[in-house]
Amino acid sequence: MSLIRNINPSDRPREKLIREGVESLSNEELLALLIGSGTKNNSALDISKELLERYGGLNNLLNCDIYSLMKIKGIKKAKANLLIAILEISKRASKEKINFIQTFTSAKDIYNLTRNDLEFESQEKFIVIYLNVKLQIIKKETLFKGGETKAFIDINMIFKHAILCGAKNIICVHNHPSGDSTPSEEDIKITNDIRNLSKIVKIPLLDHIIIGKKEYFSFSQMNC
């Protein structure tokens, strides 16, 4: 493997960024800039390439932890802390950008709103989106978390939070860590239970969406 110092200076990530702009850098080059320096035998580019190969790309890298990073040769505690902080900033910035979708118009809008929260999670999470009478999003809240198979859902708590924030409609979203968004019998039962209580408290359930890997299932779209 060649070290960065052996690369033509004009092709080094820092010089390339100045010359051609940050958009010209590959994912490996961007990570190499964050890593800074390599080891005796591996350059920062080598380390960044190993990171992306180990995690299968940037999306999975967003959910790594500091201890996994420190298992990679050339990444010690200080670099791992820096990478974790930057990855967290990236996730939060992405969420803020997506939150500019203020009005619910389709299940795909909600999928885009929540996929970064759920798509690559190893545990099941249940999110409730609270909307006003104009279907504008008031807030998005992760109410329940579970293991690899399911999360315990307290239906009464869903509507308690809805009343507290003045919501007039709700949308429920949860993920399947398996990646298959097909609803289970329990998903169908929970959806029906939420829908029945929503009619009593007069806060309609507009949809329940299940997030898989690069796919989703919408109870509303499927009329079930």
C-alpha atoms as a PDB file:
ATOM      1  CA  MET A   1       0.000   0.000   0.000  1.00  0.00           C
ATOM      2  CA  SER A   2       1.264   3.487  -0.807  1.00  0.00           C
ATOM      3  CA  LEU A   3       1.389   6.262   1.743  1.00  0.00           C
ATOM      4  CA  ILE A   4      -0.099   9.692   1.048  1.00  0.00           C
ATOM      5  CA  ARG A   5       3.386  11.199   1.043  1.00  0.00           C
ATOM      6  CA  ASN A   6       4.195   8.977  -1.973  1.00  0.00           C
ATOM      7  CA  ILE A   7       1.171  10.242  -3.905  1.00  0.00           C
ATOM      8  CA  ASN A   8       1.635  13.059  -6.388  1.00  0.00           C
ATOM      9  CA  PRO A   9       1.121  16.226  -4.268  1.00  0.00           C
ATOM     10  CA  SER A  10      -1.534  17.546  -6.645  1.00  0.00           C
ATOM     11  CA  ASP A  11      -3.566  14.353  -6.109  1.00  0.00           C
ATOM     12  CA  ARG A  12      -3.516  14.462  -2.307  1.00  0.00           C
ATOM     13  CA  PRO A  13      -6.984  15.056  -0.770  1.00  0.00           C
ATOM     14  CA  ARG A  14      -6.100  18.411   0.820  1.00  0.00           C
ATOM     15  CA  GLU A  15      -4.577  19.843  -2.357  1.00  0.00           C
ATOM     16  CA  LYS A  16      -7.369  18.383  -4.481  1.00  0.00           C
ATOM     17  CA  LEU A  17      -9.989  20.009  -2.235  1.00  0.00           C
ATOM     18  CA  ILE A  18      -8.352  23.425  -2.622  1.00  0.00           C
ATOM     19  CA  ARG A  19      -7.916  23.015  -6.360  1.00  0.00           C
ATOM     20  CA  GLU A  20     -11.222  21.382  -7.352  1.00  0.00           C
ATOM     21  CA  GLY A  21     -13.571  21.890  -4.405  1.00  0.00           C
ATOM     22  CA  VAL A  22     -14.863  19.540  -1.716  1.00  0.00           C
ATOM     23  CA  GLU A  23     -17.424  17.974  -4.090  1.00  0.00           C
ATOM     24  CA  SER A  24     -14.572  16.488  -6.135  1.00  0.00           C
ATOM     25  CA  LEU A  25     -13.367  14.298  -3.255  1.00  0.00           C
ATOM     26  CA  SER A  26     -14.354  10.651  -3.028  1.00  0.00           C
ATOM     27  CA  ASN A  27     -15.736   9.191   0.206  1.00  0.00           C
ATOM     28  CA  GLU A  28     -12.308   7.687   0.915  1.00  0.00           C
ATOM     29  CA  GLU A  29     -10.621  11.066   0.428  1.00  0.00           C
ATOM     30  CA  LEU A  30     -13.083  12.885   2.692  1.00  0.00           C
ATOM     31  CA  LEU A  31     -12.563  10.338   5.465  1.00  0.00           C
ATOM     32  CA  ALA A  32      -8.790  10.531   4.950  1.00  0.00           C
ATOM     33  CA  LEU A  33      -8.894  14.269   5.638  1.00  0.00           C
ATOM     34  CA  LEU A  34     -10.706  13.591   8.914  1.00  0.00           C
ATOM     35  CA  ILE A  35      -8.327  10.798   9.894  1.00  0.00           C
ATOM     36  CA  GLY A  36      -5.375  13.077   9.171  1.00  0.00           C
ATOM     37  CA  SER A  37      -2.375  10.798   9.457  1.00  0.00           C
ATOM     38  CA  GLY A  38      -1.866   7.096   8.948  1.00  0.00           C
ATOM     39  CA  THR A  39       0.562   4.536  10.326  1.00  0.00           C
ATOM     40  CA  LYS A  40       3.998   3.438   9.157  1.00  0.00           C
ATOM     41  CA  ASN A  41       2.532   1.019   6.644  1.00  0.00           C
ATOM     42  CA  ASN A  42      -0.970   2.398   6.012  1.00  0.00           C
ATOM     43  CA  SER A  43      -1.872   5.874   4.830  1.00  0.00           C
ATOM     44  CA  ALA A  44      -4.974   7.768   5.948  1.00  0.00           C
ATOM     45  CA  LEU A  45      -6.458   6.821   2.565  1.00  0.00           C
ATOM     46  CA  ASP A  46      -5.796   3.148   3.274  1.00  0.00           C
ATOM     47  CA  ILE A  47      -7.480   3.433   6.661  1.00  0.00           C
ATOM     48  CA  SER A  48     -10.504   5.265   5.236  1.00  0.00           C
ATOM     49  CA  LYS A  49     -10.865   2.602   2.529  1.00  0.00           C
ATOM     50  CA  GLU A  50     -10.771  -0.126   5.180  1.00  0.00           C
ATOM     51  CA  LEU A  51     -13.436   1.718   7.178  1.00  0.00           C
ATOM     52  CA  LEU A  52     -15.803   1.915   4.216  1.00  0.00           C
ATOM     53  CA  GLU A  53     -15.208  -1.707   3.249  1.00  0.00           C
ATOM     54  CA  ARG A  54     -15.749  -2.936   6.808  1.00  0.00           C
ATOM     55  CA  TYR A  55     -19.003  -1.030   7.269  1.00  0.00           C
ATOM     56  CA  GLY A  56     -20.258  -1.351   3.705  1.00  0.00           C
ATOM     57  CA  GLY A  57     -20.388   2.379   2.953  1.00  0.00           C
ATOM     58  CA  LEU A  58     -21.184   5.696   4.602  1.00  0.00           C
ATOM     59  CA  ASN A  59     -24.737   4.844   5.663  1.00  0.00           C
ATOM     60  CA  ASN A  60     -23.652   1.943   7.857  1.00  0.00           C
ATOM     61  CA  LEU A  61     -20.661   3.909   9.093  1.00  0.00           C
ATOM     62  CA  LEU A  62     -23.085   6.472  10.543  1.00  0.00           C
ATOM     63  CA  ASN A  63     -24.186   3.874  13.101  1.00  0.00           C
ATOM     64  CA  CYS A  64     -20.751   2.666  14.207  1.00  0.00           C
ATOM     65  CA  ASP A  65     -19.506   3.040  17.774  1.00  0.00           C
ATOM     66  CA  ILE A  66     -16.199   4.224  19.185  1.00  0.00           C
ATOM     67  CA  TYR A  67     -15.073   0.754  20.257  1.00  0.00           C
ATOM     68  CA  SER A  68     -15.529  -0.693  16.764  1.00  0.00           C
ATOM     69  CA  LEU A  69     -13.559   2.193  15.281  1.00  0.00           C
ATOM     70  CA  MET A  70     -10.682   1.651  17.684  1.00  0.00           C
ATOM     71  CA  LYS A  71     -10.291  -1.940  16.482  1.00  0.00           C
ATOM     72  CA  ILE A  72      -9.020  -0.580  13.164  1.00  0.00           C
ATOM     73  CA  LYS A  73      -5.258  -0.176  13.070  1.00  0.00           C
ATOM     74  CA  GLY A  74      -4.377   3.505  12.896  1.00  0.00           C
ATOM     75  CA  ILE A  75      -7.475   4.752  14.738  1.00  0.00           C
ATOM     76  CA  LYS A  76      -6.891   5.409  18.415  1.00  0.00           C
ATOM     77  CA  LYS A  77      -9.124   7.048  20.977  1.00  0.00           C
ATOM     78  CA  ALA A  78      -8.629  10.678  19.865  1.00  0.00           C
ATOM     79  CA  LYS A  79      -9.331   9.943  16.185  1.00  0.00           C
ATOM     80  CA  ALA A  80     -12.247   7.687  17.067  1.00  0.00           C
ATOM     81  CA  ASN A  81     -13.776  10.446  19.212  1.00  0.00           C
ATOM     82  CA  LEU A  82     -13.378  12.946  16.377  1.00  0.00           C
ATOM     83  CA  LEU A  83     -14.960  10.604  13.817  1.00  0.00           C
ATOM     84  CA  ILE A  84     -17.881   9.739  16.103  1.00  0.00           C
ATOM     85  CA  ALA A  85     -18.544  13.451  16.736  1.00  0.00           C
ATOM     86  CA  ILE A  86     -18.440  14.310  13.026  1.00  0.00           C
ATOM     87  CA  LEU A  87     -20.674  11.368  12.115  1.00  0.00           C
ATOM     88  CA  GLU A  88     -23.183  12.495  14.751  1.00  0.00           C
ATOM     89  CA  ILE A  89     -23.113  16.044  13.348  1.00  0.00           C
ATOM     90  CA  SER A  90     -23.788  14.565   9.906  1.00  0.00           C
ATOM     91  CA  LYS A  91     -26.800  12.610  11.192  1.00  0.00           C
ATOM     92  CA  ARG A  92     -28.245  15.626  12.998  1.00  0.00           C
ATOM     93  CA  ALA A  93     -27.743  17.902   9.994  1.00  0.00           C
ATOM     94  CA  SER A  94     -29.479  15.344   7.789  1.00  0.00           C
ATOM     95  CA  LYS A  95     -32.437  15.199  10.163  1.00  0.00           C
ATOM     96  CA  GLU A  96     -32.713  18.993  10.273  1.00  0.00           C
ATOM     97  CA  LYS A  97     -32.685  19.150   6.481  1.00  0.00           C
ATOM     98  CA  ILE A  98     -35.376  16.484   6.171  1.00  0.00           C
ATOM     99  CA  ASN A  99     -37.477  18.223   8.797  1.00  0.00           C
ATOM    100  CA  PHE A 100     -38.053  21.057   6.341  1.00  0.00           C
ATOM    101  CA  ILE A 101     -40.720  18.738   4.882  1.00  0.00           C
ATOM    102  CA  GLN A 102     -43.369  20.312   7.038  1.00  0.00           C
ATOM    103  CA  THR A 103     -46.541  18.969   5.468  1.00  0.00           C
ATOM    104  CA  PHE A 104     -47.466  15.319   5.096  1.00  0.00           C
ATOM    105  CA  THR A 105     -48.597  14.557   1.550  1.00  0.00           C
ATOM    106  CA  SER A 106     -47.693  10.888   1.071  1.00  0.00           C
ATOM    107  CA  ALA A 107     -46.267   7.805   2.730  1.00  0.00           C
ATOM    108  CA  LYS A 108     -43.049   8.412   0.796  1.00  0.00           C
ATOM    109  CA  ASP A 109     -42.661  11.796   2.543  1.00  0.00           C
ATOM    110  CA  ILE A 110     -42.786  10.037   5.900  1.00  0.00           C
ATOM    111  CA  TYR A 111     -40.419   7.334   4.689  1.00  0.00           C
ATOM    112  CA  ASN A 112     -37.911  10.014   3.679  1.00  0.00           C
ATOM    113  CA  LEU A 113     -38.447  11.779   6.994  1.00  0.00           C
ATOM    114  CA  THR A 114     -37.723   8.716   9.122  1.00  0.00           C
ATOM    115  CA  ARG A 115     -35.468   6.415   7.096  1.00  0.00           C
ATOM    116  CA  ASN A 116     -32.240   7.887   8.534  1.00  0.00           C
ATOM    117  CA  ASP A 117     -33.574   7.191  12.022  1.00  0.00           C
ATOM    118  CA  LEU A 118     -34.627   3.621  11.343  1.00  0.00           C
ATOM    119  CA  GLU A 119     -33.287   1.951   8.212  1.00  0.00           C
ATOM    120  CA  PHE A 120     -30.002   0.670   9.631  1.00  0.00           C
ATOM    121  CA  GLU A 121     -31.038   0.206  13.264  1.00  0.00           C
ATOM    122  CA  SER A 122     -30.270  -3.182  14.814  1.00  0.00           C
ATOM    123  CA  GLN A 123     -33.168  -2.845  17.260  1.00  0.00           C
ATOM    124  CA  GLU A 124     -36.815  -2.092  16.650  1.00  0.00           C
ATOM    125  CA  LYS A 125     -37.881   1.504  17.272  1.00  0.00           C
ATOM    126  CA  PHE A 126     -41.367   2.977  17.169  1.00  0.00           C
ATOM    127  CA  ILE A 127     -41.753   6.615  16.129  1.00  0.00           C
ATOM    128  CA  VAL A 128     -44.905   8.695  16.302  1.00  0.00           C
ATOM    129  CA  ILE A 129     -45.302  11.793  14.134  1.00  0.00           C
ATOM    130  CA  TYR A 130     -47.756  14.359  15.463  1.00  0.00           C
ATOM    131  CA  LEU A 131     -49.518  16.667  13.013  1.00  0.00           C
ATOM    132  CA  ASN A 132     -51.885  19.617  13.259  1.00  0.00           C
ATOM    133  CA  VAL A 133     -55.207  19.996  11.445  1.00  0.00           C
ATOM    134  CA  LYS A 134     -53.385  21.173   8.282  1.00  0.00           C
ATOM    135  CA  LEU A 135     -51.239  17.997   8.345  1.00  0.00           C
ATOM    136  CA  GLN A 136     -48.172  20.014   9.271  1.00  0.00           C
ATOM    137  CA  ILE A 137     -45.696  18.169  11.444  1.00  0.00           C
ATOM    138  CA  ILE A 138     -45.659  19.372  15.050  1.00  0.00           C
ATOM    139  CA  LYS A 139     -43.001  16.940  16.252  1.00  0.00           C
ATOM    140  CA  LYS A 140     -41.458  13.528  15.642  1.00  0.00           C
ATOM    141  CA  GLU A 141     -40.820  11.386  18.702  1.00  0.00           C
ATOM    142  CA  THR A 142     -39.275   7.964  19.313  1.00  0.00           C
ATOM    143  CA  LEU A 143     -41.626   6.539  21.937  1.00  0.00           C
ATOM    144  CA  PHE A 144     -40.629   2.892  22.177  1.00  0.00           C
ATOM    145  CA  LYS A 145     -37.502   0.779  21.669  1.00  0.00           C
ATOM    146  CA  GLY A 146     -37.101  -2.947  21.655  1.00  0.00           C
ATOM    147  CA  GLY A 147     -34.780  -5.784  20.761  1.00  0.00           C
ATOM    148  CA  GLU A 148     -34.054  -7.327  17.383  1.00  0.00           C
ATOM    149  CA  THR A 149     -37.616  -8.581  16.976  1.00  0.00           C
ATOM    150  CA  LYS A 150     -40.090  -6.205  18.559  1.00  0.00           C
ATOM    151  CA  ALA A 151     -40.719  -3.241  20.839  1.00  0.00           C
ATOM    152  CA  PHE A 152     -43.395  -3.051  23.514  1.00  0.00           C
ATOM    153  CA  ILE A 153     -46.047  -0.523  22.440  1.00  0.00           C
ATOM    154  CA  ASP A 154     -48.164   1.381  24.974  1.00  0.00           C
ATOM    155  CA  ILE A 155     -51.052   2.662  22.868  1.00  0.00           C
ATOM    156  CA  ASN A 156     -52.394   4.910  25.615  1.00  0.00           C
ATOM    157  CA  MET A 157     -49.051   6.724  25.774  1.00  0.00           C
ATOM    158  CA  ILE A 158     -49.244   7.492  22.050  1.00  0.00           C
ATOM    159  CA  PHE A 159     -52.433   9.446  22.523  1.00  0.00           C
ATOM    160  CA  LYS A 160     -51.378  10.972  25.843  1.00  0.00           C
ATOM    161  CA  HIS A 161     -48.475  12.611  23.997  1.00  0.00           C
ATOM    162  CA  ALA A 162     -50.805  13.589  21.158  1.00  0.00           C
ATOM    163  CA  ILE A 163     -53.130  15.419  23.524  1.00  0.00           C
ATOM    164  CA  LEU A 164     -50.234  17.110  25.339  1.00  0.00           C
ATOM    165  CA  CYS A 165     -48.828  18.579  22.113  1.00  0.00           C
ATOM    166  CA  GLY A 166     -52.243  19.455  20.654  1.00  0.00           C
ATOM    167  CA  ALA A 167     -51.981  17.036  17.722  1.00  0.00           C
ATOM    168  CA  LYS A 168     -55.030  16.522  15.520  1.00  0.00           C
ATOM    169  CA  ASN A 169     -53.591  13.589  13.545  1.00  0.00           C
ATOM    170  CA  ILE A 170     -50.864  11.003  14.049  1.00  0.00           C
ATOM    171  CA  ILE A 171     -48.682   8.756  11.906  1.00  0.00           C
ATOM    172  CA  CYS A 172     -46.866   5.756  13.371  1.00  0.00           C
ATOM    173  CA  VAL A 173     -43.601   4.446  11.979  1.00  0.00           C
ATOM    174  CA  HIS A 174     -41.417   1.541  13.055  1.00  0.00           C
ATOM    175  CA  ASN A 175     -38.619  -0.504  11.568  1.00  0.00           C
ATOM    176  CA  HIS A 176     -37.950  -4.169  10.971  1.00  0.00           C
ATOM    177  CA  PRO A 177     -34.246  -4.815  11.707  1.00  0.00           C
ATOM    178  CA  SER A 178     -34.460  -7.853   9.394  1.00  0.00           C
ATOM    179  CA  GLY A 179     -34.875  -5.446   6.468  1.00  0.00           C
ATOM    180  CA  ASP A 180     -38.180  -6.989   5.346  1.00  0.00           C
ATOM    181  CA  SER A 181     -40.965  -4.424   5.675  1.00  0.00           C
ATOM    182  CA  THR A 182     -43.800  -6.980   5.353  1.00  0.00           C
ATOM    183  CA  PRO A 183     -46.171  -6.507   8.325  1.00  0.00           C
ATOM    184  CA  SER A 184     -46.457  -9.302  10.866  1.00  0.00           C
ATOM    185  CA  GLU A 185     -49.720 -10.414  12.446  1.00  0.00           C
ATOM    186  CA  GLU A 186     -48.727  -8.422  15.522  1.00  0.00           C
ATOM    187  CA  ASP A 187     -48.120  -5.314  13.370  1.00  0.00           C
ATOM    188  CA  ILE A 188     -51.614  -5.676  11.939  1.00  0.00           C
ATOM    189  CA  LYS A 189     -53.135  -6.100  15.413  1.00  0.00           C
ATOM    190  CA  ILE A 190     -51.277  -3.100  16.844  1.00  0.00           C
ATOM    191  CA  THR A 191     -52.363  -0.967  13.881  1.00  0.00           C
ATOM    192  CA  ASN A 192     -56.002  -1.942  14.361  1.00  0.00           C
ATOM    193  CA  ASP A 193     -55.786  -1.268  18.110  1.00  0.00           C
ATOM    194  CA  ILE A 194     -54.274   2.185  17.507  1.00  0.00           C
ATOM    195  CA  ARG A 195     -56.873   2.935  14.841  1.00  0.00           C
ATOM    196  CA  ASN A 196     -59.740   1.901  17.142  1.00  0.00           C
ATOM    197  CA  LEU A 197     -58.529   4.096  19.998  1.00  0.00           C
ATOM    198  CA  SER A 198     -57.901   6.969  17.578  1.00  0.00           C
ATOM    199  CA  LYS A 199     -61.597   6.953  16.704  1.00  0.00           C
ATOM    200  CA  ILE A 200     -62.541   7.169  20.370  1.00  0.00           C
ATOM    201  CA  VAL A 201     -60.228  10.097  21.167  1.00  0.00           C
ATOM    202  CA  LYS A 202     -60.897  11.682  17.750  1.00  0.00           C
ATOM    203  CA  ILE A 203     -57.232  11.946  16.758  1.00  0.00           C
ATOM    204  CA  PRO A 204     -57.085  10.011  13.475  1.00  0.00           C
ATOM    205  CA  LEU A 205     -54.298   7.571  12.639  1.00  0.00           C
ATOM    206  CA  LEU A 206     -53.390   8.608   9.093  1.00  0.00           C
ATOM    207  CA  ASP A 207     -50.931   5.806   8.456  1.00  0.00           C
ATOM    208  CA  HIS A 208     -48.650   3.219   9.982  1.00  0.00           C
ATOM    209  CA  ILE A 209     -45.438   2.741   8.023  1.00  0.00           C
ATOM    210  CA  ILE A 210     -42.897  -0.055   8.401  1.00  0.00           C
ATOM    211  CA  ILE A 211     -39.331   0.714   7.362  1.00  0.00           C
ATOM    212  CA  GLY A 212     -37.128  -2.032   5.907  1.00  0.00           C
ATOM    213  CA  LYS A 213     -33.837  -1.884   4.037  1.00  0.00           C
ATOM    214  CA  LYS A 214     -34.430   0.525   1.137  1.00  0.00           C
ATOM    215  CA  GLU A 215     -38.161  -0.255   1.239  1.00  0.00           C
ATOM    216  CA  TYR A 216     -41.263   0.502   3.234  1.00  0.00           C
ATOM    217  CA  PHE A 217     -44.806  -0.724   3.778  1.00  0.00           C
ATOM    218  CA  SER A 218     -47.723   1.686   4.211  1.00  0.00           C
ATOM    219  CA  PHE A 219     -50.950   0.436   5.777  1.00  0.00           C
ATOM    220  CA  SER A 220     -52.756   3.410   4.249  1.00  0.00           C
ATOM    221  CA  GLN A 221     -51.472   2.798   0.726  1.00  0.00           C
ATOM    222  CA  MET A 222     -52.410  -0.876   0.949  1.00  0.00           C
ATOM    223  CA  ASN A 223     -55.846  -0.033   2.409  1.00  0.00           C
ATOM    224  CA  CYS A 224     -55.353  -2.278   5.398  1.00  0.00           C
END
